[in-house]
Amino acid sequence: MNYEIRYAEEDDADEILSLWYEYSDHLSQFDARYEHKADAGDQWRDYFLNRMVGSSKASVFVADSTEVEGLLGVIEVRVMGAHPIFQLDQHGMIFGHHVRSGYQRQGIEAALLDKAEEWFKHEQNLSFYRMNVLAENHYLGEIYEEYGLEQIEHTYEGEL
């Protein structure tokens, strides 16, 4: 299948939101707190249109194909500040990475990561990036390991 990875545009908002809802459904299998809120669409649309489109420190890329109706995948990238104490310089962060069900494991995940890396390195001049993955989300864990990424941290949580 032919597809292109491109910057998301304002007109993509509804299709991207559909992908995020599917991503939310996937994540909520592991943790119910990842179910989308009732007003998630309006909040996300405002965030996307007012803080992502045209931002110099954040971007959204989509996988698009003329052979299929709707977008195939999405990845959201942002620049994070340096740590005031540690020697962690300004770096990239992936805040969402999803390929539509039925199109997963066909290279689209890696193509989106390639575009994110290109943006981090060449447009932001960053030396590394990170992302968080739920421990039970083996699909993304496997994708990232196959891509050559290294797990460097563990996150622990306690209920209060």
N, C-alpha and C. Protein backbone atom coordinates (compact mmCIF):
# COMPACT_ATOMS: atom_id res chain seq x y z
N MET A 1 0.84 -1.17 0.00
CA MET A 1 0.00 0.00 0.00
C MET A 1 0.89 1.24 0.00
N ASN A 2 0.52 2.22 -0.78
CA ASN A 2 1.24 3.48 -0.83
C ASN A 2 0.64 4.44 0.19
N TYR A 3 1.49 5.14 0.90
CA TYR A 3 1.05 6.16 1.85
C TYR A 3 2.17 7.18 1.97
N GLU A 4 1.82 8.32 2.52
CA GLU A 4 2.81 9.36 2.79
C GLU A 4 2.69 9.78 4.25
N ILE A 5 3.80 10.19 4.82
CA ILE A 5 3.81 10.76 6.16
C ILE A 5 3.94 12.26 5.95
N ARG A 6 3.00 13.00 6.52
CA ARG A 6 2.98 14.45 6.31
C ARG A 6 2.55 15.16 7.59
N TYR A 7 2.79 16.47 7.61
CA TYR A 7 2.30 17.29 8.71
C TYR A 7 0.77 17.24 8.73
N ALA A 8 0.22 17.17 9.92
CA ALA A 8 -1.24 17.25 10.06
C ALA A 8 -1.68 18.68 9.77
N GLU A 9 -2.85 18.79 9.21
CA GLU A 9 -3.43 20.10 8.89
C GLU A 9 -4.74 20.25 9.64
N GLU A 10 -5.22 21.47 9.72
CA GLU A 10 -6.46 21.75 10.44
C GLU A 10 -7.59 20.85 9.97
N ASP A 11 -7.68 20.61 8.67
CA ASP A 11 -8.76 19.80 8.11
C ASP A 11 -8.68 18.33 8.53
N ASP A 12 -7.57 17.92 9.10
CA ASP A 12 -7.40 16.53 9.55
C ASP A 12 -7.95 16.29 10.95
N ALA A 13 -8.39 17.33 11.63
CA ALA A 13 -8.74 17.24 13.04
C ALA A 13 -9.70 16.10 13.35
N ASP A 14 -10.79 15.97 12.61
CA ASP A 14 -11.78 14.93 12.90
C ASP A 14 -11.21 13.53 12.71
N GLU A 15 -10.42 13.34 11.65
CA GLU A 15 -9.84 12.02 11.41
C GLU A 15 -8.78 11.67 12.46
N ILE A 16 -8.01 12.67 12.88
CA ILE A 16 -7.01 12.43 13.94
C ILE A 16 -7.73 12.08 15.23
N LEU A 17 -8.79 12.81 15.53
CA LEU A 17 -9.56 12.52 16.74
C LEU A 17 -10.08 11.08 16.71
N SER A 18 -10.52 10.62 15.56
CA SER A 18 -10.98 9.23 15.43
C SER A 18 -9.85 8.26 15.76
N LEU A 19 -8.64 8.57 15.29
CA LEU A 19 -7.48 7.72 15.63
C LEU A 19 -7.20 7.75 17.12
N TRP A 20 -7.28 8.95 17.74
CA TRP A 20 -7.02 9.03 19.19
C TRP A 20 -8.08 8.26 19.99
N TYR A 21 -9.33 8.28 19.52
CA TYR A 21 -10.37 7.50 20.20
C TYR A 21 -10.04 6.01 20.11
N GLU A 22 -9.60 5.56 18.96
CA GLU A 22 -9.21 4.15 18.83
C GLU A 22 -8.02 3.84 19.74
N TYR A 23 -7.06 4.76 19.80
CA TYR A 23 -5.90 4.60 20.68
C TYR A 23 -6.36 4.55 22.14
N SER A 24 -7.29 5.41 22.50
CA SER A 24 -7.84 5.43 23.85
C SER A 24 -8.53 4.10 24.18
N ASP A 25 -9.28 3.58 23.24
CA ASP A 25 -9.93 2.28 23.45
C ASP A 25 -8.89 1.19 23.68
N HIS A 26 -7.80 1.25 22.93
CA HIS A 26 -6.72 0.26 23.08
C HIS A 26 -6.08 0.40 24.47
N LEU A 27 -5.71 1.62 24.87
CA LEU A 27 -5.05 1.83 26.16
C LEU A 27 -5.96 1.51 27.34
N SER A 28 -7.26 1.77 27.19
CA SER A 28 -8.18 1.53 28.31
C SER A 28 -8.37 0.04 28.59
N GLN A 29 -7.92 -0.83 27.69
CA GLN A 29 -7.91 -2.27 27.97
C GLN A 29 -6.95 -2.58 29.11
N PHE A 30 -5.92 -1.75 29.26
CA PHE A 30 -4.90 -1.96 30.28
C PHE A 30 -5.16 -1.14 31.53
N ASP A 31 -5.81 0.01 31.37
CA ASP A 31 -6.04 0.92 32.49
C ASP A 31 -7.26 1.78 32.14
N ALA A 32 -8.34 1.62 32.91
CA ALA A 32 -9.60 2.31 32.61
C ALA A 32 -9.46 3.83 32.63
N ARG A 33 -8.43 4.35 33.26
CA ARG A 33 -8.24 5.81 33.30
C ARG A 33 -7.91 6.38 31.92
N TYR A 34 -7.59 5.53 30.96
CA TYR A 34 -7.28 5.99 29.62
C TYR A 34 -8.51 6.02 28.70
N GLU A 35 -9.69 5.71 29.25
CA GLU A 35 -10.92 5.90 28.48
C GLU A 35 -11.07 7.39 28.22
N HIS A 36 -11.53 7.74 27.04
CA HIS A 36 -11.65 9.17 26.74
C HIS A 36 -12.83 9.77 27.49
N LYS A 37 -12.68 11.05 27.84
CA LYS A 37 -13.71 11.79 28.55
C LYS A 37 -14.85 12.11 27.60
N ALA A 38 -16.01 12.41 28.16
CA ALA A 38 -17.18 12.72 27.34
C ALA A 38 -16.95 13.94 26.46
N ASP A 39 -16.23 14.93 26.97
CA ASP A 39 -15.98 16.16 26.20
C ASP A 39 -14.58 16.17 25.58
N ALA A 40 -13.99 14.99 25.43
CA ALA A 40 -12.62 14.90 24.92
C ALA A 40 -12.48 15.50 23.53
N GLY A 41 -13.45 15.31 22.69
CA GLY A 41 -13.36 15.79 21.32
C GLY A 41 -13.20 17.30 21.23
N ASP A 42 -14.04 18.02 21.96
CA ASP A 42 -13.95 19.48 21.93
C ASP A 42 -12.64 19.97 22.54
N GLN A 43 -12.24 19.37 23.64
CA GLN A 43 -10.98 19.76 24.29
C GLN A 43 -9.79 19.47 23.38
N TRP A 44 -9.78 18.30 22.78
CA TRP A 44 -8.65 17.95 21.92
C TRP A 44 -8.61 18.84 20.68
N ARG A 45 -9.74 19.06 20.07
CA ARG A 45 -9.81 19.90 18.87
C ARG A 45 -9.26 21.29 19.17
N ASP A 46 -9.65 21.88 20.30
CA ASP A 46 -9.13 23.19 20.70
C ASP A 46 -7.62 23.14 20.90
N TYR A 47 -7.14 22.11 21.58
CA TYR A 47 -5.71 21.93 21.81
C TYR A 47 -4.96 21.80 20.49
N PHE A 48 -5.46 20.96 19.60
CA PHE A 48 -4.82 20.72 18.31
C PHE A 48 -4.76 22.01 17.48
N LEU A 49 -5.88 22.68 17.34
CA LEU A 49 -5.95 23.85 16.47
C LEU A 49 -5.21 25.05 17.04
N ASN A 50 -5.20 25.20 18.36
CA ASN A 50 -4.61 26.39 18.97
C ASN A 50 -3.20 26.21 19.52
N ARG A 51 -2.77 24.97 19.71
CA ARG A 51 -1.44 24.77 20.29
C ARG A 51 -0.52 23.88 19.48
N MET A 52 -1.07 23.13 18.54
CA MET A 52 -0.24 22.21 17.77
C MET A 52 0.00 22.70 16.34
N VAL A 53 -1.06 23.08 15.66
CA VAL A 53 -0.92 23.52 14.27
C VAL A 53 -0.09 24.79 14.23
N GLY A 54 1.01 24.75 13.51
CA GLY A 54 1.88 25.91 13.37
C GLY A 54 2.82 26.16 14.53
N SER A 55 2.86 25.27 15.51
CA SER A 55 3.75 25.45 16.66
C SER A 55 5.19 25.15 16.26
N SER A 56 6.12 25.89 16.86
CA SER A 56 7.54 25.61 16.59
C SER A 56 8.09 24.55 17.54
N LYS A 57 7.36 24.23 18.61
CA LYS A 57 7.84 23.28 19.61
C LYS A 57 7.00 22.01 19.72
N ALA A 58 6.07 21.85 18.79
CA ALA A 58 5.23 20.65 18.79
C ALA A 58 4.70 20.43 17.38
N SER A 59 4.40 19.18 17.09
CA SER A 59 3.84 18.88 15.77
C SER A 59 3.08 17.55 15.82
N VAL A 60 2.24 17.38 14.85
CA VAL A 60 1.52 16.12 14.65
C VAL A 60 1.77 15.70 13.21
N PHE A 61 2.16 14.44 13.04
CA PHE A 61 2.34 13.88 11.70
C PHE A 61 1.32 12.77 11.50
N VAL A 62 0.86 12.63 10.29
CA VAL A 62 -0.13 11.60 9.96
C VAL A 62 0.35 10.75 8.80
N ALA A 63 -0.13 9.52 8.77
CA ALA A 63 0.06 8.63 7.63
C ALA A 63 -1.22 8.69 6.82
N ASP A 64 -1.07 9.05 5.55
CA ASP A 64 -2.22 9.28 4.69
C ASP A 64 -2.05 8.48 3.40
N SER A 65 -3.14 7.95 2.88
CA SER A 65 -3.10 7.18 1.65
C SER A 65 -4.31 7.52 0.80
N THR A 66 -4.10 7.62 -0.50
CA THR A 66 -5.21 7.85 -1.41
C THR A 66 -5.98 6.55 -1.67
N GLU A 67 -5.42 5.43 -1.22
CA GLU A 67 -6.03 4.12 -1.45
C GLU A 67 -7.05 3.74 -0.37
N VAL A 68 -7.06 4.49 0.74
CA VAL A 68 -7.91 4.16 1.88
C VAL A 68 -8.61 5.43 2.35
N GLU A 69 -9.87 5.29 2.74
CA GLU A 69 -10.58 6.43 3.30
C GLU A 69 -10.16 6.61 4.75
N GLY A 70 -9.77 7.79 5.11
CA GLY A 70 -9.35 8.09 6.48
C GLY A 70 -7.85 7.93 6.64
N LEU A 71 -7.33 8.58 7.67
CA LEU A 71 -5.91 8.51 7.96
C LEU A 71 -5.54 7.14 8.52
N LEU A 72 -4.32 6.71 8.26
CA LEU A 72 -3.86 5.40 8.71
C LEU A 72 -3.17 5.44 10.06
N GLY A 73 -2.55 6.56 10.38
CA GLY A 73 -1.81 6.63 11.64
C GLY A 73 -1.47 8.06 12.00
N VAL A 74 -0.99 8.22 13.24
CA VAL A 74 -0.69 9.54 13.78
C VAL A 74 0.43 9.42 14.81
N ILE A 75 1.23 10.48 14.92
CA ILE A 75 2.23 10.58 15.98
C ILE A 75 2.32 12.04 16.39
N GLU A 76 2.33 12.28 17.69
CA GLU A 76 2.42 13.64 18.24
C GLU A 76 3.78 13.80 18.89
N VAL A 77 4.49 14.88 18.53
CA VAL A 77 5.84 15.13 19.04
C VAL A 77 5.92 16.51 19.66
N ARG A 78 6.74 16.63 20.71
CA ARG A 78 6.94 17.92 21.37
C ARG A 78 8.37 18.04 21.83
N VAL A 79 8.79 19.27 22.04
CA VAL A 79 10.10 19.56 22.61
C VAL A 79 9.92 19.77 24.11
N MET A 80 10.75 19.09 24.89
CA MET A 80 10.72 19.21 26.35
C MET A 80 11.96 19.96 26.81
N GLY A 81 11.82 20.70 27.88
CA GLY A 81 12.93 21.49 28.39
C GLY A 81 14.00 20.66 29.06
N ALA A 82 15.16 21.28 29.21
CA ALA A 82 16.27 20.64 29.91
C ALA A 82 15.97 20.59 31.40
N HIS A 83 16.56 19.64 32.08
CA HIS A 83 16.38 19.51 33.54
C HIS A 83 17.31 20.49 34.24
N PRO A 84 16.85 21.17 35.29
CA PRO A 84 17.68 22.17 35.95
C PRO A 84 18.87 21.59 36.74
N ILE A 85 18.81 20.32 37.10
CA ILE A 85 19.89 19.73 37.90
C ILE A 85 20.64 18.68 37.11
N PHE A 86 19.90 17.74 36.53
CA PHE A 86 20.54 16.66 35.79
C PHE A 86 21.08 17.15 34.45
N GLN A 87 21.92 16.37 33.86
CA GLN A 87 22.48 16.72 32.56
C GLN A 87 21.59 16.19 31.43
N LEU A 88 20.30 16.32 31.64
CA LEU A 88 19.32 15.96 30.60
C LEU A 88 19.00 17.23 29.83
N ASP A 89 19.55 17.32 28.63
CA ASP A 89 19.33 18.49 27.79
C ASP A 89 17.90 18.51 27.27
N GLN A 90 17.60 19.62 26.62
CA GLN A 90 16.32 19.72 25.93
C GLN A 90 16.20 18.49 25.02
N HIS A 91 15.01 17.89 24.98
CA HIS A 91 14.85 16.65 24.23
C HIS A 91 13.44 16.55 23.65
N GLY A 92 13.28 15.57 22.78
CA GLY A 92 11.99 15.33 22.18
C GLY A 92 11.16 14.36 23.01
N MET A 93 9.86 14.46 22.85
CA MET A 93 8.95 13.55 23.54
C MET A 93 7.83 13.18 22.58
N ILE A 94 7.52 11.91 22.52
CA ILE A 94 6.38 11.44 21.75
C ILE A 94 5.22 11.27 22.72
N PHE A 95 4.11 11.93 22.44
CA PHE A 95 2.95 11.91 23.34
C PHE A 95 1.79 11.10 22.79
N GLY A 96 1.99 10.40 21.75
CA GLY A 96 0.96 9.55 21.19
C GLY A 96 1.45 9.02 19.86
N HIS A 97 1.20 7.74 19.64
CA HIS A 97 1.67 7.09 18.41
C HIS A 97 0.71 5.94 18.17
N HIS A 98 -0.06 6.06 17.10
CA HIS A 98 -1.07 5.03 16.87
C HIS A 98 -1.26 4.81 15.37
N VAL A 99 -1.39 3.55 15.00
CA VAL A 99 -1.74 3.16 13.64
C VAL A 99 -3.08 2.44 13.70
N ARG A 100 -3.95 2.81 12.81
CA ARG A 100 -5.31 2.28 12.78
C ARG A 100 -5.30 0.75 12.72
N SER A 101 -6.21 0.17 13.45
CA SER A 101 -6.38 -1.28 13.45
C SER A 101 -6.58 -1.76 12.01
N GLY A 102 -5.94 -2.85 11.67
CA GLY A 102 -6.01 -3.38 10.32
C GLY A 102 -4.85 -2.93 9.45
N TYR A 103 -4.11 -1.93 9.90
CA TYR A 103 -2.95 -1.43 9.15
C TYR A 103 -1.67 -1.49 9.99
N GLN A 104 -1.79 -2.07 11.18
CA GLN A 104 -0.63 -2.17 12.06
C GLN A 104 0.36 -3.21 11.55
N ARG A 105 1.60 -3.00 11.91
CA ARG A 105 2.71 -3.90 11.56
C ARG A 105 2.91 -4.04 10.05
N GLN A 106 2.65 -2.95 9.35
CA GLN A 106 2.90 -2.92 7.91
C GLN A 106 3.94 -1.85 7.57
N GLY A 107 4.68 -1.41 8.58
CA GLY A 107 5.73 -0.41 8.37
C GLY A 107 5.32 1.02 8.66
N ILE A 108 4.04 1.25 8.91
CA ILE A 108 3.57 2.61 9.14
C ILE A 108 4.09 3.14 10.47
N GLU A 109 4.14 2.29 11.49
CA GLU A 109 4.66 2.72 12.79
C GLU A 109 6.08 3.24 12.64
N ALA A 110 6.91 2.48 11.94
CA ALA A 110 8.32 2.88 11.74
C ALA A 110 8.41 4.14 10.89
N ALA A 111 7.56 4.28 9.88
CA ALA A 111 7.59 5.47 9.03
C ALA A 111 7.24 6.72 9.84
N LEU A 112 6.28 6.60 10.75
CA LEU A 112 5.93 7.72 11.63
C LEU A 112 7.09 8.04 12.57
N LEU A 113 7.74 7.01 13.11
CA LEU A 113 8.92 7.23 13.96
C LEU A 113 10.05 7.88 13.17
N ASP A 114 10.25 7.46 11.94
CA ASP A 114 11.28 8.08 11.09
C ASP A 114 11.02 9.58 10.96
N LYS A 115 9.76 9.93 10.70
CA LYS A 115 9.42 11.35 10.54
C LYS A 115 9.62 12.10 11.85
N ALA A 116 9.25 11.48 12.97
CA ALA A 116 9.45 12.12 14.28
C ALA A 116 10.94 12.35 14.52
N GLU A 117 11.76 11.33 14.25
CA GLU A 117 13.21 11.47 14.44
C GLU A 117 13.77 12.58 13.54
N GLU A 118 13.31 12.63 12.32
CA GLU A 118 13.76 13.69 11.39
C GLU A 118 13.43 15.06 11.96
N TRP A 119 12.20 15.22 12.48
CA TRP A 119 11.77 16.49 13.05
C TRP A 119 12.61 16.84 14.28
N PHE A 120 12.80 15.87 15.18
CA PHE A 120 13.60 16.12 16.38
C PHE A 120 15.02 16.54 16.02
N LYS A 121 15.63 15.81 15.10
CA LYS A 121 17.04 16.02 14.78
C LYS A 121 17.27 17.24 13.89
N HIS A 122 16.55 17.34 12.81
CA HIS A 122 16.85 18.35 11.81
C HIS A 122 16.10 19.66 12.00
N GLU A 123 14.91 19.61 12.56
CA GLU A 123 14.16 20.85 12.76
C GLU A 123 14.32 21.42 14.16
N GLN A 124 14.61 20.54 15.13
CA GLN A 124 14.72 21.00 16.52
C GLN A 124 16.14 20.90 17.07
N ASN A 125 17.02 20.25 16.32
CA ASN A 125 18.42 20.08 16.73
C ASN A 125 18.54 19.40 18.11
N LEU A 126 17.77 18.36 18.32
CA LEU A 126 17.79 17.62 19.58
C LEU A 126 18.65 16.38 19.43
N SER A 127 19.19 15.91 20.55
CA SER A 127 20.08 14.74 20.49
C SER A 127 19.39 13.44 20.91
N PHE A 128 18.21 13.53 21.54
CA PHE A 128 17.49 12.31 21.91
C PHE A 128 16.02 12.62 22.12
N TYR A 129 15.23 11.54 22.18
CA TYR A 129 13.80 11.68 22.45
C TYR A 129 13.35 10.51 23.32
N ARG A 130 12.17 10.68 23.89
CA ARG A 130 11.59 9.65 24.76
C ARG A 130 10.10 9.51 24.49
N MET A 131 9.54 8.44 25.05
CA MET A 131 8.09 8.27 25.08
C MET A 131 7.77 7.31 26.24
N ASN A 132 6.56 7.38 26.71
CA ASN A 132 6.10 6.48 27.76
C ASN A 132 5.18 5.44 27.13
N VAL A 133 5.29 4.20 27.60
CA VAL A 133 4.46 3.11 27.12
C VAL A 133 3.91 2.37 28.33
N LEU A 134 2.62 2.12 28.35
CA LEU A 134 2.05 1.33 29.43
C LEU A 134 2.69 -0.06 29.45
N ALA A 135 2.99 -0.56 30.63
CA ALA A 135 3.70 -1.83 30.77
C ALA A 135 3.00 -2.97 30.04
N GLU A 136 1.69 -2.98 30.02
CA GLU A 136 0.93 -4.06 29.40
C GLU A 136 0.75 -3.89 27.89
N ASN A 137 1.18 -2.74 27.37
CA ASN A 137 1.02 -2.47 25.94
C ASN A 137 2.17 -3.12 25.17
N HIS A 138 2.12 -4.42 25.04
CA HIS A 138 3.19 -5.18 24.41
C HIS A 138 3.35 -4.83 22.93
N TYR A 139 2.26 -4.50 22.28
CA TYR A 139 2.32 -4.12 20.86
C TYR A 139 3.31 -2.98 20.64
N LEU A 140 3.13 -1.86 21.36
CA LEU A 140 4.06 -0.74 21.16
C LEU A 140 5.45 -1.06 21.69
N GLY A 141 5.53 -1.76 22.79
CA GLY A 141 6.85 -2.16 23.30
C GLY A 141 7.62 -2.94 22.25
N GLU A 142 6.96 -3.88 21.61
CA GLU A 142 7.61 -4.67 20.56
C GLU A 142 7.98 -3.81 19.36
N ILE A 143 7.10 -2.90 18.97
CA ILE A 143 7.38 -2.01 17.84
C ILE A 143 8.64 -1.20 18.13
N TYR A 144 8.73 -0.64 19.33
CA TYR A 144 9.88 0.21 19.66
C TYR A 144 11.17 -0.60 19.77
N GLU A 145 11.09 -1.79 20.30
CA GLU A 145 12.29 -2.63 20.36
C GLU A 145 12.74 -3.04 18.96
N GLU A 146 11.79 -3.40 18.10
CA GLU A 146 12.12 -3.74 16.72
C GLU A 146 12.73 -2.54 16.00
N TYR A 147 12.30 -1.36 16.35
CA TYR A 147 12.81 -0.14 15.74
C TYR A 147 14.23 0.18 16.22
N GLY A 148 14.63 -0.44 17.35
CA GLY A 148 15.97 -0.22 17.89
C GLY A 148 16.02 0.72 19.07
N LEU A 149 14.86 1.06 19.63
CA LEU A 149 14.83 1.92 20.81
C LEU A 149 15.13 1.10 22.06
N GLU A 150 15.65 1.78 23.05
CA GLU A 150 16.07 1.11 24.29
C GLU A 150 15.21 1.56 25.46
N GLN A 151 14.74 0.61 26.26
CA GLN A 151 14.00 0.94 27.47
C GLN A 151 15.00 1.44 28.50
N ILE A 152 14.74 2.63 29.08
CA ILE A 152 15.70 3.20 30.01
C ILE A 152 15.13 3.49 31.39
N GLU A 153 13.84 3.47 31.54
CA GLU A 153 13.23 3.78 32.83
C GLU A 153 12.06 2.84 33.10
N HIS A 154 11.67 2.77 34.36
CA HIS A 154 10.45 2.09 34.77
C HIS A 154 9.65 3.12 35.56
N THR A 155 8.35 3.13 35.39
CA THR A 155 7.48 4.02 36.15
C THR A 155 6.69 3.20 37.14
N TYR A 156 6.65 3.64 38.38
CA TYR A 156 5.90 2.95 39.43
C TYR A 156 4.80 3.87 39.91
N GLU A 157 3.70 3.27 40.31
CA GLU A 157 2.54 4.05 40.73
C GLU A 157 1.93 3.41 41.95
N GLY A 158 1.43 4.25 42.84
CA GLY A 158 0.73 3.76 44.02
C GLY A 158 -0.61 4.45 44.16
N GLU A 159 -1.60 3.72 44.58
CA GLU A 159 -2.93 4.30 44.78
C GLU A 159 -2.97 5.02 46.11
N LEU A 160 -3.71 6.10 46.16
CA LEU A 160 -3.86 6.88 47.40
C LEU A 160 -5.30 6.90 47.84
